[in-house]
Amino acid sequence: MTIQEGSTELEMSFGNKTTVFVDKDLEDIVPDFLDNRVKDVRLLKDALEQKDFPTIKALGHSMKGSGGGYGFDRISEIGRVLETAAKNENADTIQKQTISLDLFLNNLEVVYKEFE
């Protein structure tokens, strides 16, 4: 079990399932943010097939900058690794991180709560 606590996030992992506690103030915007990350998985797969490293770098940079702001530090971490891997044209790391993002999103449970 992993517990990570921050100002807007409390994340607990039990096996493959991850529950992220997100500030209730973000409840209206988090679903769209996560839907866009699901779309990013498809874009990453397509870009990797085409060896389009600039697109992968841009997607990683965007995730790195936005994930934590929405309460998802794991997405920021994946974005950081993707950005670096794209700079180095490291297809294996990009593929692993794309799978990691996909698994995270598919096994994610978001619970909204008020943080003090």
N, C-alpha and C. Protein backbone atom coordinates (compact mmCIF):
# COMPACT_ATOMS: atom_id res chain seq x y z
N MET A 1 0.86 -1.18 0.00
CA MET A 1 0.00 0.00 0.00
C MET A 1 0.89 1.23 0.00
N THR A 2 0.54 2.19 -0.85
CA THR A 2 1.25 3.45 -0.91
C THR A 2 0.30 4.56 -0.51
N ILE A 3 0.74 5.42 0.37
CA ILE A 3 -0.06 6.59 0.74
C ILE A 3 0.80 7.81 0.49
N GLN A 4 0.24 8.72 -0.29
CA GLN A 4 0.95 9.96 -0.61
C GLN A 4 -0.01 11.10 -0.30
N GLU A 5 0.43 12.02 0.53
CA GLU A 5 -0.46 13.10 0.93
C GLU A 5 0.17 14.43 0.54
N GLY A 6 -0.63 15.28 -0.09
CA GLY A 6 -0.19 16.62 -0.47
C GLY A 6 -1.31 17.59 -0.18
N SER A 7 -1.19 18.79 -0.68
CA SER A 7 -2.20 19.80 -0.38
C SER A 7 -3.53 19.49 -1.05
N THR A 8 -3.50 18.81 -2.21
CA THR A 8 -4.75 18.51 -2.90
C THR A 8 -4.91 17.03 -3.18
N GLU A 9 -4.00 16.22 -2.73
CA GLU A 9 -4.04 14.82 -3.13
C GLU A 9 -3.70 13.89 -1.98
N LEU A 10 -4.45 12.84 -1.90
CA LEU A 10 -4.11 11.71 -1.05
C LEU A 10 -4.30 10.50 -1.93
N GLU A 11 -3.23 9.81 -2.22
CA GLU A 11 -3.28 8.69 -3.15
C GLU A 11 -2.99 7.40 -2.40
N MET A 12 -3.83 6.40 -2.62
CA MET A 12 -3.62 5.10 -2.01
C MET A 12 -3.68 4.05 -3.10
N SER A 13 -2.71 3.17 -3.12
CA SER A 13 -2.68 2.09 -4.10
C SER A 13 -2.84 0.76 -3.40
N PHE A 14 -3.77 -0.03 -3.87
CA PHE A 14 -3.98 -1.38 -3.37
C PHE A 14 -3.92 -2.30 -4.58
N GLY A 15 -2.82 -3.00 -4.76
CA GLY A 15 -2.67 -3.82 -5.95
C GLY A 15 -2.63 -2.94 -7.18
N ASN A 16 -3.51 -3.20 -8.12
CA ASN A 16 -3.55 -2.43 -9.36
C ASN A 16 -4.47 -1.22 -9.27
N LYS A 17 -5.32 -1.16 -8.27
CA LYS A 17 -6.29 -0.07 -8.13
C LYS A 17 -5.65 1.10 -7.41
N THR A 18 -5.86 2.30 -7.95
CA THR A 18 -5.34 3.51 -7.30
C THR A 18 -6.50 4.45 -7.02
N THR A 19 -6.65 4.83 -5.78
CA THR A 19 -7.65 5.82 -5.38
C THR A 19 -6.92 7.12 -5.11
N VAL A 20 -7.37 8.17 -5.78
CA VAL A 20 -6.78 9.49 -5.58
C VAL A 20 -7.86 10.39 -5.00
N PHE A 21 -7.56 10.99 -3.87
CA PHE A 21 -8.48 11.93 -3.24
C PHE A 21 -8.10 13.32 -3.74
N VAL A 22 -9.07 13.96 -4.40
CA VAL A 22 -8.85 15.25 -5.05
C VAL A 22 -9.75 16.29 -4.40
N ASP A 23 -9.25 17.50 -4.33
CA ASP A 23 -10.01 18.61 -3.76
C ASP A 23 -11.36 18.75 -4.45
N LYS A 24 -12.40 18.85 -3.65
CA LYS A 24 -13.77 18.96 -4.16
C LYS A 24 -13.94 20.16 -5.09
N ASP A 25 -13.14 21.20 -4.92
CA ASP A 25 -13.21 22.37 -5.79
C ASP A 25 -12.86 22.05 -7.24
N LEU A 26 -12.20 20.94 -7.49
CA LEU A 26 -11.79 20.56 -8.84
C LEU A 26 -12.75 19.58 -9.51
N GLU A 27 -13.84 19.26 -8.83
CA GLU A 27 -14.76 18.22 -9.30
C GLU A 27 -15.32 18.51 -10.69
N ASP A 28 -15.54 19.75 -11.03
CA ASP A 28 -16.13 20.08 -12.34
C ASP A 28 -15.13 19.95 -13.49
N ILE A 29 -13.83 20.04 -13.20
CA ILE A 29 -12.85 20.06 -14.29
C ILE A 29 -12.01 18.79 -14.40
N VAL A 30 -11.96 17.99 -13.36
CA VAL A 30 -11.14 16.78 -13.39
C VAL A 30 -11.60 15.77 -14.44
N PRO A 31 -12.90 15.52 -14.62
CA PRO A 31 -13.30 14.54 -15.65
C PRO A 31 -12.79 14.90 -17.05
N ASP A 32 -12.86 16.16 -17.43
CA ASP A 32 -12.34 16.56 -18.74
C ASP A 32 -10.83 16.39 -18.81
N PHE A 33 -10.15 16.74 -17.72
CA PHE A 33 -8.70 16.56 -17.67
C PHE A 33 -8.34 15.09 -17.90
N LEU A 34 -9.03 14.19 -17.21
CA LEU A 34 -8.72 12.77 -17.35
C LEU A 34 -9.11 12.24 -18.73
N ASP A 35 -10.23 12.71 -19.28
CA ASP A 35 -10.61 12.31 -20.64
C ASP A 35 -9.52 12.71 -21.64
N ASN A 36 -8.95 13.88 -21.45
CA ASN A 36 -7.87 14.32 -22.33
C ASN A 36 -6.62 13.46 -22.18
N ARG A 37 -6.37 12.95 -20.99
CA ARG A 37 -5.21 12.07 -20.81
C ARG A 37 -5.46 10.73 -21.51
N VAL A 38 -6.71 10.26 -21.51
CA VAL A 38 -7.05 9.03 -22.25
C VAL A 38 -6.78 9.26 -23.74
N LYS A 39 -7.15 10.41 -24.25
CA LYS A 39 -6.85 10.75 -25.64
C LYS A 39 -5.35 10.82 -25.87
N ASP A 40 -4.61 11.32 -24.88
CA ASP A 40 -3.15 11.40 -24.99
C ASP A 40 -2.53 10.02 -25.16
N VAL A 41 -3.10 9.00 -24.51
CA VAL A 41 -2.57 7.65 -24.65
C VAL A 41 -2.62 7.24 -26.12
N ARG A 42 -3.75 7.50 -26.78
CA ARG A 42 -3.88 7.18 -28.21
C ARG A 42 -2.88 7.97 -29.04
N LEU A 43 -2.76 9.27 -28.72
CA LEU A 43 -1.83 10.12 -29.46
C LEU A 43 -0.39 9.65 -29.27
N LEU A 44 -0.04 9.25 -28.05
CA LEU A 44 1.31 8.75 -27.78
C LEU A 44 1.61 7.48 -28.58
N LYS A 45 0.65 6.58 -28.61
CA LYS A 45 0.84 5.33 -29.37
C LYS A 45 1.05 5.62 -30.85
N ASP A 46 0.21 6.50 -31.40
CA ASP A 46 0.34 6.87 -32.81
C ASP A 46 1.67 7.57 -33.09
N ALA A 47 2.04 8.49 -32.21
CA ALA A 47 3.29 9.23 -32.39
C ALA A 47 4.49 8.29 -32.30
N LEU A 48 4.42 7.34 -31.40
CA LEU A 48 5.54 6.39 -31.26
C LEU A 48 5.67 5.54 -32.52
N GLU A 49 4.54 5.09 -33.06
CA GLU A 49 4.57 4.31 -34.30
C GLU A 49 5.25 5.09 -35.42
N GLN A 50 5.01 6.40 -35.46
CA GLN A 50 5.56 7.25 -36.51
C GLN A 50 6.92 7.84 -36.14
N LYS A 51 7.40 7.49 -34.96
CA LYS A 51 8.66 8.05 -34.43
C LYS A 51 8.62 9.58 -34.42
N ASP A 52 7.45 10.09 -34.02
CA ASP A 52 7.22 11.54 -33.94
C ASP A 52 7.59 12.00 -32.53
N PHE A 53 8.87 12.11 -32.27
CA PHE A 53 9.36 12.45 -30.94
C PHE A 53 9.01 13.87 -30.51
N PRO A 54 8.92 14.85 -31.42
CA PRO A 54 8.49 16.19 -30.99
C PRO A 54 7.07 16.20 -30.40
N THR A 55 6.17 15.42 -30.98
CA THR A 55 4.80 15.34 -30.44
C THR A 55 4.82 14.69 -29.07
N ILE A 56 5.58 13.62 -28.92
CA ILE A 56 5.68 12.94 -27.62
C ILE A 56 6.27 13.88 -26.58
N LYS A 57 7.29 14.61 -26.96
CA LYS A 57 7.92 15.57 -26.04
C LYS A 57 6.90 16.62 -25.60
N ALA A 58 6.12 17.14 -26.54
CA ALA A 58 5.11 18.15 -26.21
C ALA A 58 4.03 17.59 -25.28
N LEU A 59 3.57 16.38 -25.55
CA LEU A 59 2.56 15.75 -24.69
C LEU A 59 3.12 15.52 -23.29
N GLY A 60 4.35 15.02 -23.21
CA GLY A 60 4.98 14.81 -21.92
C GLY A 60 5.14 16.10 -21.14
N HIS A 61 5.58 17.14 -21.84
CA HIS A 61 5.76 18.45 -21.19
C HIS A 61 4.44 18.97 -20.63
N SER A 62 3.38 18.82 -21.40
CA SER A 62 2.06 19.27 -20.96
C SER A 62 1.59 18.51 -19.71
N MET A 63 1.76 17.19 -19.73
CA MET A 63 1.36 16.37 -18.57
C MET A 63 2.20 16.70 -17.35
N LYS A 64 3.49 16.90 -17.58
CA LYS A 64 4.40 17.23 -16.48
C LYS A 64 3.93 18.50 -15.78
N GLY A 65 3.51 19.47 -16.56
CA GLY A 65 3.11 20.75 -15.99
C GLY A 65 1.72 20.79 -15.39
N SER A 66 0.83 19.91 -15.87
CA SER A 66 -0.57 20.03 -15.44
C SER A 66 -1.02 18.98 -14.43
N GLY A 67 -0.43 17.82 -14.43
CA GLY A 67 -0.91 16.72 -13.59
C GLY A 67 -1.06 17.08 -12.13
N GLY A 68 -0.01 17.61 -11.54
CA GLY A 68 -0.03 17.95 -10.11
C GLY A 68 -1.05 19.02 -9.78
N GLY A 69 -1.27 19.94 -10.71
CA GLY A 69 -2.24 21.01 -10.48
C GLY A 69 -3.67 20.50 -10.37
N TYR A 70 -3.92 19.37 -10.97
CA TYR A 70 -5.24 18.75 -10.90
C TYR A 70 -5.31 17.71 -9.79
N GLY A 71 -4.19 17.46 -9.13
CA GLY A 71 -4.17 16.50 -8.04
C GLY A 71 -3.61 15.15 -8.42
N PHE A 72 -2.96 15.06 -9.60
CA PHE A 72 -2.45 13.77 -10.07
C PHE A 72 -0.94 13.85 -10.28
N ASP A 73 -0.20 13.71 -9.20
CA ASP A 73 1.26 13.77 -9.27
C ASP A 73 1.83 12.66 -10.15
N ARG A 74 1.17 11.52 -10.19
CA ARG A 74 1.65 10.40 -11.02
C ARG A 74 1.65 10.79 -12.50
N ILE A 75 0.65 11.54 -12.94
CA ILE A 75 0.60 11.97 -14.33
C ILE A 75 1.75 12.93 -14.62
N SER A 76 2.05 13.81 -13.68
CA SER A 76 3.20 14.72 -13.86
C SER A 76 4.50 13.93 -13.96
N GLU A 77 4.64 12.91 -13.13
CA GLU A 77 5.84 12.09 -13.14
C GLU A 77 5.99 11.37 -14.48
N ILE A 78 4.91 10.78 -14.97
CA ILE A 78 4.95 10.10 -16.27
C ILE A 78 5.29 11.10 -17.37
N GLY A 79 4.69 12.28 -17.31
CA GLY A 79 4.97 13.32 -18.30
C GLY A 79 6.43 13.72 -18.32
N ARG A 80 7.02 13.84 -17.14
CA ARG A 80 8.44 14.20 -17.04
C ARG A 80 9.31 13.15 -17.72
N VAL A 81 9.03 11.88 -17.45
CA VAL A 81 9.81 10.79 -18.04
C VAL A 81 9.59 10.75 -19.56
N LEU A 82 8.35 10.94 -20.00
CA LEU A 82 8.07 10.95 -21.44
C LEU A 82 8.83 12.06 -22.16
N GLU A 83 8.82 13.24 -21.55
CA GLU A 83 9.51 14.38 -22.16
C GLU A 83 11.00 14.08 -22.34
N THR A 84 11.62 13.57 -21.29
CA THR A 84 13.05 13.24 -21.36
C THR A 84 13.31 12.12 -22.36
N ALA A 85 12.47 11.10 -22.35
CA ALA A 85 12.64 9.99 -23.28
C ALA A 85 12.49 10.45 -24.73
N ALA A 86 11.58 11.36 -24.98
CA ALA A 86 11.39 11.88 -26.34
C ALA A 86 12.61 12.68 -26.78
N LYS A 87 13.18 13.47 -25.87
CA LYS A 87 14.40 14.22 -26.19
C LYS A 87 15.52 13.26 -26.60
N ASN A 88 15.58 12.10 -25.94
CA ASN A 88 16.62 11.11 -26.20
C ASN A 88 16.20 10.06 -27.24
N GLU A 89 15.00 10.23 -27.79
CA GLU A 89 14.43 9.28 -28.76
C GLU A 89 14.49 7.84 -28.25
N ASN A 90 14.13 7.67 -26.99
CA ASN A 90 14.15 6.38 -26.33
C ASN A 90 12.76 5.73 -26.43
N ALA A 91 12.55 4.98 -27.50
CA ALA A 91 11.24 4.39 -27.78
C ALA A 91 10.80 3.40 -26.71
N ASP A 92 11.73 2.63 -26.15
CA ASP A 92 11.35 1.65 -25.12
C ASP A 92 10.76 2.33 -23.89
N THR A 93 11.40 3.39 -23.43
CA THR A 93 10.90 4.11 -22.26
C THR A 93 9.56 4.76 -22.57
N ILE A 94 9.43 5.31 -23.77
CA ILE A 94 8.15 5.93 -24.16
C ILE A 94 7.04 4.89 -24.15
N GLN A 95 7.31 3.72 -24.69
CA GLN A 95 6.30 2.67 -24.70
C GLN A 95 5.92 2.25 -23.28
N LYS A 96 6.91 2.08 -22.41
CA LYS A 96 6.63 1.68 -21.03
C LYS A 96 5.82 2.75 -20.29
N GLN A 97 6.16 4.01 -20.49
CA GLN A 97 5.44 5.08 -19.81
C GLN A 97 4.02 5.25 -20.37
N THR A 98 3.86 5.01 -21.65
CA THR A 98 2.51 5.06 -22.25
C THR A 98 1.63 3.96 -21.65
N ILE A 99 2.20 2.77 -21.51
CA ILE A 99 1.47 1.67 -20.87
C ILE A 99 1.17 2.02 -19.42
N SER A 100 2.13 2.60 -18.73
CA SER A 100 1.94 2.99 -17.33
C SER A 100 0.82 4.01 -17.20
N LEU A 101 0.79 4.99 -18.09
CA LEU A 101 -0.29 6.00 -18.07
C LEU A 101 -1.63 5.34 -18.32
N ASP A 102 -1.69 4.46 -19.30
CA ASP A 102 -2.93 3.77 -19.64
C ASP A 102 -3.43 2.95 -18.46
N LEU A 103 -2.53 2.20 -17.82
CA LEU A 103 -2.92 1.40 -16.65
C LEU A 103 -3.39 2.28 -15.50
N PHE A 104 -2.66 3.37 -15.26
CA PHE A 104 -3.05 4.29 -14.19
C PHE A 104 -4.46 4.82 -14.43
N LEU A 105 -4.73 5.27 -15.64
CA LEU A 105 -6.05 5.84 -15.95
C LEU A 105 -7.16 4.79 -15.88
N ASN A 106 -6.87 3.57 -16.32
CA ASN A 106 -7.88 2.52 -16.33
C ASN A 106 -8.14 1.92 -14.96
N ASN A 107 -7.24 2.15 -14.03
CA ASN A 107 -7.40 1.59 -12.67
C ASN A 107 -7.56 2.70 -11.63
N LEU A 108 -7.99 3.85 -12.09
CA LEU A 108 -8.09 5.03 -11.23
C LEU A 108 -9.50 5.19 -10.67
N GLU A 109 -9.54 5.47 -9.40
CA GLU A 109 -10.79 5.86 -8.74
C GLU A 109 -10.54 7.23 -8.12
N VAL A 110 -11.36 8.20 -8.51
CA VAL A 110 -11.23 9.55 -7.98
C VAL A 110 -12.30 9.76 -6.93
N VAL A 111 -11.87 10.23 -5.76
CA VAL A 111 -12.78 10.56 -4.68
C VAL A 111 -12.56 12.03 -4.35
N TYR A 112 -13.64 12.80 -4.38
CA TYR A 112 -13.54 14.23 -4.10
C TYR A 112 -13.81 14.47 -2.62
N LYS A 113 -12.96 15.31 -2.04
CA LYS A 113 -13.14 15.63 -0.63
C LYS A 113 -12.65 17.06 -0.39
N GLU A 114 -13.05 17.60 0.72
CA GLU A 114 -12.63 18.94 1.09
C GLU A 114 -11.34 18.83 1.88
N PHE A 115 -10.35 19.60 1.44
CA PHE A 115 -9.08 19.67 2.16
C PHE A 115 -9.05 20.97 2.94
N GLU A 116 -8.44 20.93 4.09
CA GLU A 116 -8.37 22.14 4.92
C GLU A 116 -7.16 22.96 4.58
